């Protein structure tokens, strides 16, 4: 249902507001890199705006800190509905390496509702662009097929009587009782 809503509501262009709630600025640099002419996010209709009042999407980076929690919440409330929130990076998704610090409240979802997560530390610009394009229905999600393979151990695991010497090396040797 969210996919159809995104395709209908955000079919033309996305105006994004870039919000860092406190982090190492690695994800900040990658988000700003997406918006440069090299990656050309405007071909998907993605444009950076300076005010949350003009934004359709909020791109959040970093864990939520105690001093920035209220500002992040006010910025979210200033956005007109319908609105989307992307948590970009491992800090925004789970607190990152600062998850247990005294001034860190945790991931972005503790303060504002998050619609989509783009993992990585920091995520590559291609991943950010692909995540936004897939979430808004501009591109189809491509997933590689998963194949499971049983791991074969060269040594039997639970039957020591089956172990033997191979090429002069003792694979397993029972300890004698002393």
C-alpha atoms as a PDB file:
ATOM      1  CA  UNK A   1       0.000   0.000   0.000  1.00  0.00           C
ATOM      2  CA  UNK A   2       2.833   2.392   0.831  1.00  0.00           C
ATOM      3  CA  UNK A   3       4.423   1.722  -2.549  1.00  0.00           C
ATOM      4  CA  UNK A   4       1.249   2.669  -4.425  1.00  0.00           C
ATOM      5  CA  UNK A   5       0.817   5.754  -2.267  1.00  0.00           C
ATOM      6  CA  UNK A   6       4.397   6.824  -2.965  1.00  0.00           C
ATOM      7  CA  UNK A   7       3.980   6.271  -6.691  1.00  0.00           C
ATOM      8  CA  UNK A   8       0.806   8.318  -6.737  1.00  0.00           C
ATOM      9  CA  UNK A   9       1.803  11.151  -4.412  1.00  0.00           C
ATOM     10  CA  UNK A  10       5.438  11.526  -5.422  1.00  0.00           C
ATOM     11  CA  UNK A  11       5.202  10.702  -9.109  1.00  0.00           C
ATOM     12  CA  UNK A  12       6.814  13.866 -10.421  1.00  0.00           C
ATOM     13  CA  UNK A  13       9.494  15.371  -8.242  1.00  0.00           C
ATOM     14  CA  UNK A  14      10.807  15.044  -4.729  1.00  0.00           C
ATOM     15  CA  UNK A  15      12.026  17.988  -2.763  1.00  0.00           C
ATOM     16  CA  UNK A  16      14.300  16.722  -0.020  1.00  0.00           C
ATOM     17  CA  UNK A  17      15.340  18.335   3.219  1.00  0.00           C
ATOM     18  CA  UNK A  18      18.690  17.217   4.550  1.00  0.00           C
ATOM     19  CA  UNK A  19      18.824  16.852   8.366  1.00  0.00           C
ATOM     20  CA  UNK A  20      21.793  15.684  10.418  1.00  0.00           C
ATOM     21  CA  UNK A  21      20.893  14.997  14.014  1.00  0.00           C
ATOM     22  CA  UNK A  22      24.490  14.419  15.107  1.00  0.00           C
ATOM     23  CA  UNK A  23      27.069  12.047  13.748  1.00  0.00           C
ATOM     24  CA  UNK A  24      30.452  11.867  12.080  1.00  0.00           C
ATOM     25  CA  UNK A  25      29.300  13.657   8.868  1.00  0.00           C
ATOM     26  CA  UNK A  26      30.243  10.655   6.706  1.00  0.00           C
ATOM     27  CA  UNK A  27      26.633  10.191   5.588  1.00  0.00           C
ATOM     28  CA  UNK A  28      26.271  13.964   5.185  1.00  0.00           C
ATOM     29  CA  UNK A  29      29.084  14.013   2.679  1.00  0.00           C
ATOM     30  CA  UNK A  30      27.592  11.103   0.738  1.00  0.00           C
ATOM     31  CA  UNK A  31      24.111  12.687   0.614  1.00  0.00           C
ATOM     32  CA  UNK A  32      25.561  15.957  -0.644  1.00  0.00           C
ATOM     33  CA  UNK A  33      27.596  13.953  -3.144  1.00  0.00           C
ATOM     34  CA  UNK A  34      24.347  12.450  -4.494  1.00  0.00           C
ATOM     35  CA  UNK A  35      23.036  15.947  -5.161  1.00  0.00           C
ATOM     36  CA  UNK A  36      26.079  17.006  -7.230  1.00  0.00           C
ATOM     37  CA  UNK A  37      26.064  16.941 -11.045  1.00  0.00           C
ATOM     38  CA  UNK A  38      28.215  13.793 -11.063  1.00  0.00           C
ATOM     39  CA  UNK A  39      25.371  11.596  -9.759  1.00  0.00           C
ATOM     40  CA  UNK A  40      22.663  13.921 -11.095  1.00  0.00           C
ATOM     41  CA  UNK A  41      19.805  13.219  -8.706  1.00  0.00           C
ATOM     42  CA  UNK A  42      17.677  15.739 -10.573  1.00  0.00           C
ATOM     43  CA  UNK A  43      17.153  13.229 -13.392  1.00  0.00           C
ATOM     44  CA  UNK A  44      14.823  11.464 -10.927  1.00  0.00           C
ATOM     45  CA  UNK A  45      13.273  14.789  -9.921  1.00  0.00           C
ATOM     46  CA  UNK A  46      15.140  14.929  -6.594  1.00  0.00           C
ATOM     47  CA  UNK A  47      15.942  18.492  -5.540  1.00  0.00           C
ATOM     48  CA  UNK A  48      17.459  19.808  -2.306  1.00  0.00           C
ATOM     49  CA  UNK A  49      15.495  22.515  -0.482  1.00  0.00           C
ATOM     50  CA  UNK A  50      16.603  24.655   2.425  1.00  0.00           C
ATOM     51  CA  UNK A  51      13.411  24.595   4.465  1.00  0.00           C
ATOM     52  CA  UNK A  52      11.361  21.673   5.763  1.00  0.00           C
ATOM     53  CA  UNK A  53       8.207  23.641   4.870  1.00  0.00           C
ATOM     54  CA  UNK A  54       8.956  23.033   1.177  1.00  0.00           C
ATOM     55  CA  UNK A  55      10.077  19.412   1.502  1.00  0.00           C
ATOM     56  CA  UNK A  56       8.361  16.155   0.639  1.00  0.00           C
ATOM     57  CA  UNK A  57      11.146  13.940   1.988  1.00  0.00           C
ATOM     58  CA  UNK A  58      13.479  14.259   4.956  1.00  0.00           C
ATOM     59  CA  UNK A  59      16.875  12.568   4.693  1.00  0.00           C
ATOM     60  CA  UNK A  60      18.118  11.967   8.245  1.00  0.00           C
ATOM     61  CA  UNK A  61      21.678  11.050   9.185  1.00  0.00           C
ATOM     62  CA  UNK A  62      23.299  10.335  12.518  1.00  0.00           C
ATOM     63  CA  UNK A  63      21.836   9.154  15.811  1.00  0.00           C
ATOM     64  CA  UNK A  64      19.420  11.393  17.682  1.00  0.00           C
ATOM     65  CA  UNK A  65      21.227  13.383  20.346  1.00  0.00           C
ATOM     66  CA  UNK A  66      19.536  14.966  23.333  1.00  0.00           C
ATOM     67  CA  UNK A  67      20.251  18.537  22.132  1.00  0.00           C
ATOM     68  CA  UNK A  68      19.045  17.885  18.557  1.00  0.00           C
ATOM     69  CA  UNK A  69      15.924  15.798  19.267  1.00  0.00           C
ATOM     70  CA  UNK A  70      13.544  18.759  19.601  1.00  0.00           C
ATOM     71  CA  UNK A  71      14.903  20.484  16.492  1.00  0.00           C
ATOM     72  CA  UNK A  72      14.496  17.282  14.461  1.00  0.00           C
ATOM     73  CA  UNK A  73      10.943  16.834  15.698  1.00  0.00           C
ATOM     74  CA  UNK A  74      10.052  20.462  14.878  1.00  0.00           C
ATOM     75  CA  UNK A  75      11.510  20.093  11.381  1.00  0.00           C
ATOM     76  CA  UNK A  76       9.432  16.942  10.840  1.00  0.00           C
ATOM     77  CA  UNK A  77       6.252  18.659  12.045  1.00  0.00           C
ATOM     78  CA  UNK A  78       6.927  21.614   9.724  1.00  0.00           C
ATOM     79  CA  UNK A  79       6.865  19.366   6.652  1.00  0.00           C
ATOM     80  CA  UNK A  80       3.529  19.278   4.807  1.00  0.00           C
ATOM     81  CA  UNK A  81       1.709  15.974   4.489  1.00  0.00           C
ATOM     82  CA  UNK A  82       2.245  13.544   2.811  1.00  0.00           C
ATOM     83  CA  UNK A  83       5.849  13.177   3.858  1.00  0.00           C
ATOM     84  CA  UNK A  84       8.514  10.489   3.828  1.00  0.00           C
ATOM     85  CA  UNK A  85      11.497  10.008   6.131  1.00  0.00           C
ATOM     86  CA  UNK A  86      14.635   8.133   5.124  1.00  0.00           C
ATOM     87  CA  UNK A  87      17.121   7.023   7.792  1.00  0.00           C
ATOM     88  CA  UNK A  88      20.461   7.003   5.998  1.00  0.00           C
ATOM     89  CA  UNK A  89      23.384   5.114   7.497  1.00  0.00           C
ATOM     90  CA  UNK A  90      23.840   2.740  10.393  1.00  0.00           C
ATOM     91  CA  UNK A  91      23.764   5.535  12.975  1.00  0.00           C
ATOM     92  CA  UNK A  92      20.325   6.717  11.885  1.00  0.00           C
ATOM     93  CA  UNK A  93      19.039   3.151  11.734  1.00  0.00           C
ATOM     94  CA  UNK A  94      20.343   1.837  15.045  1.00  0.00           C
ATOM     95  CA  UNK A  95      22.549   4.363  16.804  1.00  0.00           C
ATOM     96  CA  UNK A  96      25.790   3.225  15.188  1.00  0.00           C
ATOM     97  CA  UNK A  97      28.963   3.253  17.224  1.00  0.00           C
ATOM     98  CA  UNK A  98      27.469   5.848  19.553  1.00  0.00           C
ATOM     99  CA  UNK A  99      24.423   3.802  20.612  1.00  0.00           C
ATOM    100  CA  UNK A 100      25.405   3.685  24.296  1.00  0.00           C
ATOM    101  CA  UNK A 101      26.764   7.205  24.812  1.00  0.00           C
ATOM    102  CA  UNK A 102      25.259   9.385  27.516  1.00  0.00           C
ATOM    103  CA  UNK A 103      23.837  12.029  25.161  1.00  0.00           C
ATOM    104  CA  UNK A 104      22.527   9.665  22.439  1.00  0.00           C
ATOM    105  CA  UNK A 105      18.831   8.834  22.521  1.00  0.00           C
ATOM    106  CA  UNK A 106      19.171   6.213  19.799  1.00  0.00           C
ATOM    107  CA  UNK A 107      18.029   5.821  16.196  1.00  0.00           C
ATOM    108  CA  UNK A 108      15.870   8.345  14.353  1.00  0.00           C
ATOM    109  CA  UNK A 109      12.714   6.260  14.868  1.00  0.00           C
ATOM    110  CA  UNK A 110      12.714   7.100  18.584  1.00  0.00           C
ATOM    111  CA  UNK A 111      11.815  10.715  17.746  1.00  0.00           C
ATOM    112  CA  UNK A 112      10.069  10.681  14.349  1.00  0.00           C
ATOM    113  CA  UNK A 113       8.509   7.865  12.292  1.00  0.00           C
ATOM    114  CA  UNK A 114      10.845   6.441   9.642  1.00  0.00           C
ATOM    115  CA  UNK A 115       9.507   5.047   6.361  1.00  0.00           C
ATOM    116  CA  UNK A 116      12.677   3.717   4.719  1.00  0.00           C
ATOM    117  CA  UNK A 117      16.180   2.712   5.799  1.00  0.00           C
ATOM    118  CA  UNK A 118      19.325   2.890   3.679  1.00  0.00           C
ATOM    119  CA  UNK A 119      22.046   0.962   5.550  1.00  0.00           C
ATOM    120  CA  UNK A 120      25.790   1.475   5.390  1.00  0.00           C
ATOM    121  CA  UNK A 121      28.560   3.274   7.179  1.00  0.00           C
ATOM    122  CA  UNK A 122      28.470   5.493   5.183  1.00  0.00           C
ATOM    123  CA  UNK A 123      26.254   4.233   2.364  1.00  0.00           C
ATOM    124  CA  UNK A 124      27.566   4.824  -1.127  1.00  0.00           C
ATOM    125  CA  UNK A 125      25.918   7.569  -3.184  1.00  0.00           C
ATOM    126  CA  UNK A 126      24.652   4.941  -5.610  1.00  0.00           C
ATOM    127  CA  UNK A 127      22.927   3.113  -2.745  1.00  0.00           C
ATOM    128  CA  UNK A 128      21.260   6.301  -1.516  1.00  0.00           C
ATOM    129  CA  UNK A 129      20.037   7.191  -4.978  1.00  0.00           C
ATOM    130  CA  UNK A 130      18.873   3.639  -5.654  1.00  0.00           C
ATOM    131  CA  UNK A 131      17.072   3.434  -2.293  1.00  0.00           C
ATOM    132  CA  UNK A 132      15.169   6.661  -2.895  1.00  0.00           C
ATOM    133  CA  UNK A 133      14.296   5.695  -6.455  1.00  0.00           C
ATOM    134  CA  UNK A 134      13.063   2.236  -5.416  1.00  0.00           C
ATOM    135  CA  UNK A 135      11.105   3.571  -2.437  1.00  0.00           C
ATOM    136  CA  UNK A 136       9.262   6.113  -4.540  1.00  0.00           C
ATOM    137  CA  UNK A 137       8.542   3.663  -7.345  1.00  0.00           C
ATOM    138  CA  UNK A 138      10.826   5.169  -9.982  1.00  0.00           C
ATOM    139  CA  UNK A 139      12.865   1.970 -10.341  1.00  0.00           C
ATOM    140  CA  UNK A 140      12.051  -1.695  -9.854  1.00  0.00           C
ATOM    141  CA  UNK A 141      13.668  -3.505  -6.985  1.00  0.00           C
ATOM    142  CA  UNK A 142      16.256  -5.962  -8.234  1.00  0.00           C
ATOM    143  CA  UNK A 143      17.191  -8.748  -5.904  1.00  0.00           C
ATOM    144  CA  UNK A 144      19.745 -11.441  -6.580  1.00  0.00           C
ATOM    145  CA  UNK A 145      18.427 -14.964  -6.050  1.00  0.00           C
ATOM    146  CA  UNK A 146      19.573 -16.515  -2.806  1.00  0.00           C
ATOM    147  CA  UNK A 147      21.159 -19.954  -2.936  1.00  0.00           C
ATOM    148  CA  UNK A 148      21.939 -21.945   0.148  1.00  0.00           C
ATOM    149  CA  UNK A 149      24.728 -24.474   0.195  1.00  0.00           C
ATOM    150  CA  UNK A 150      25.440 -27.022   2.881  1.00  0.00           C
ATOM    151  CA  UNK A 151      28.926 -26.590   4.278  1.00  0.00           C
ATOM    152  CA  UNK A 152      30.948 -29.773   4.054  1.00  0.00           C
ATOM    153  CA  UNK A 153      33.479 -30.310   6.768  1.00  0.00           C
ATOM    154  CA  UNK A 154      36.583 -32.324   5.934  1.00  0.00           C
ATOM    155  CA  UNK A 155      36.519 -33.782   9.438  1.00  0.00           C
ATOM    156  CA  UNK A 156      33.474 -35.568  10.847  1.00  0.00           C
ATOM    157  CA  UNK A 157      32.198 -33.445  13.672  1.00  0.00           C
ATOM    158  CA  UNK A 158      30.663 -35.797  16.186  1.00  0.00           C
ATOM    159  CA  UNK A 159      32.156 -39.236  15.625  1.00  0.00           C
ATOM    160  CA  UNK A 160      35.817 -39.326  16.753  1.00  0.00           C
ATOM    161  CA  UNK A 161      36.040 -43.025  15.893  1.00  0.00           C
ATOM    162  CA  UNK A 162      35.700 -42.091  12.211  1.00  0.00           C
ATOM    163  CA  UNK A 163      38.748 -39.814  12.238  1.00  0.00           C
ATOM    164  CA  UNK A 164      41.922 -41.037  10.624  1.00  0.00           C
ATOM    165  CA  UNK A 165      45.404 -39.992   9.596  1.00  0.00           C
ATOM    166  CA  UNK A 166      45.716 -38.290   6.244  1.00  0.00           C
ATOM    167  CA  UNK A 167      49.028 -37.702   4.485  1.00  0.00           C
ATOM    168  CA  UNK A 168      51.005 -38.335   7.653  1.00  0.00           C
ATOM    169  CA  UNK A 169      49.088 -35.731   9.637  1.00  0.00           C
ATOM    170  CA  UNK A 170      46.991 -36.742  12.569  1.00  0.00           C
ATOM    171  CA  UNK A 171      43.623 -35.164  12.097  1.00  0.00           C
ATOM    172  CA  UNK A 172      42.434 -36.050  15.552  1.00  0.00           C
ATOM    173  CA  UNK A 173      44.263 -37.679  18.407  1.00  0.00           C
ATOM    174  CA  UNK A 174      42.544 -38.919  21.554  1.00  0.00           C
ATOM    175  CA  UNK A 175      44.037 -37.840  24.797  1.00  0.00           C
ATOM    176  CA  UNK A 176      45.115 -40.699  27.029  1.00  0.00           C
ATOM    177  CA  UNK A 177      43.929 -40.687  30.620  1.00  0.00           C
ATOM    178  CA  UNK A 178      46.827 -39.909  32.857  1.00  0.00           C
END
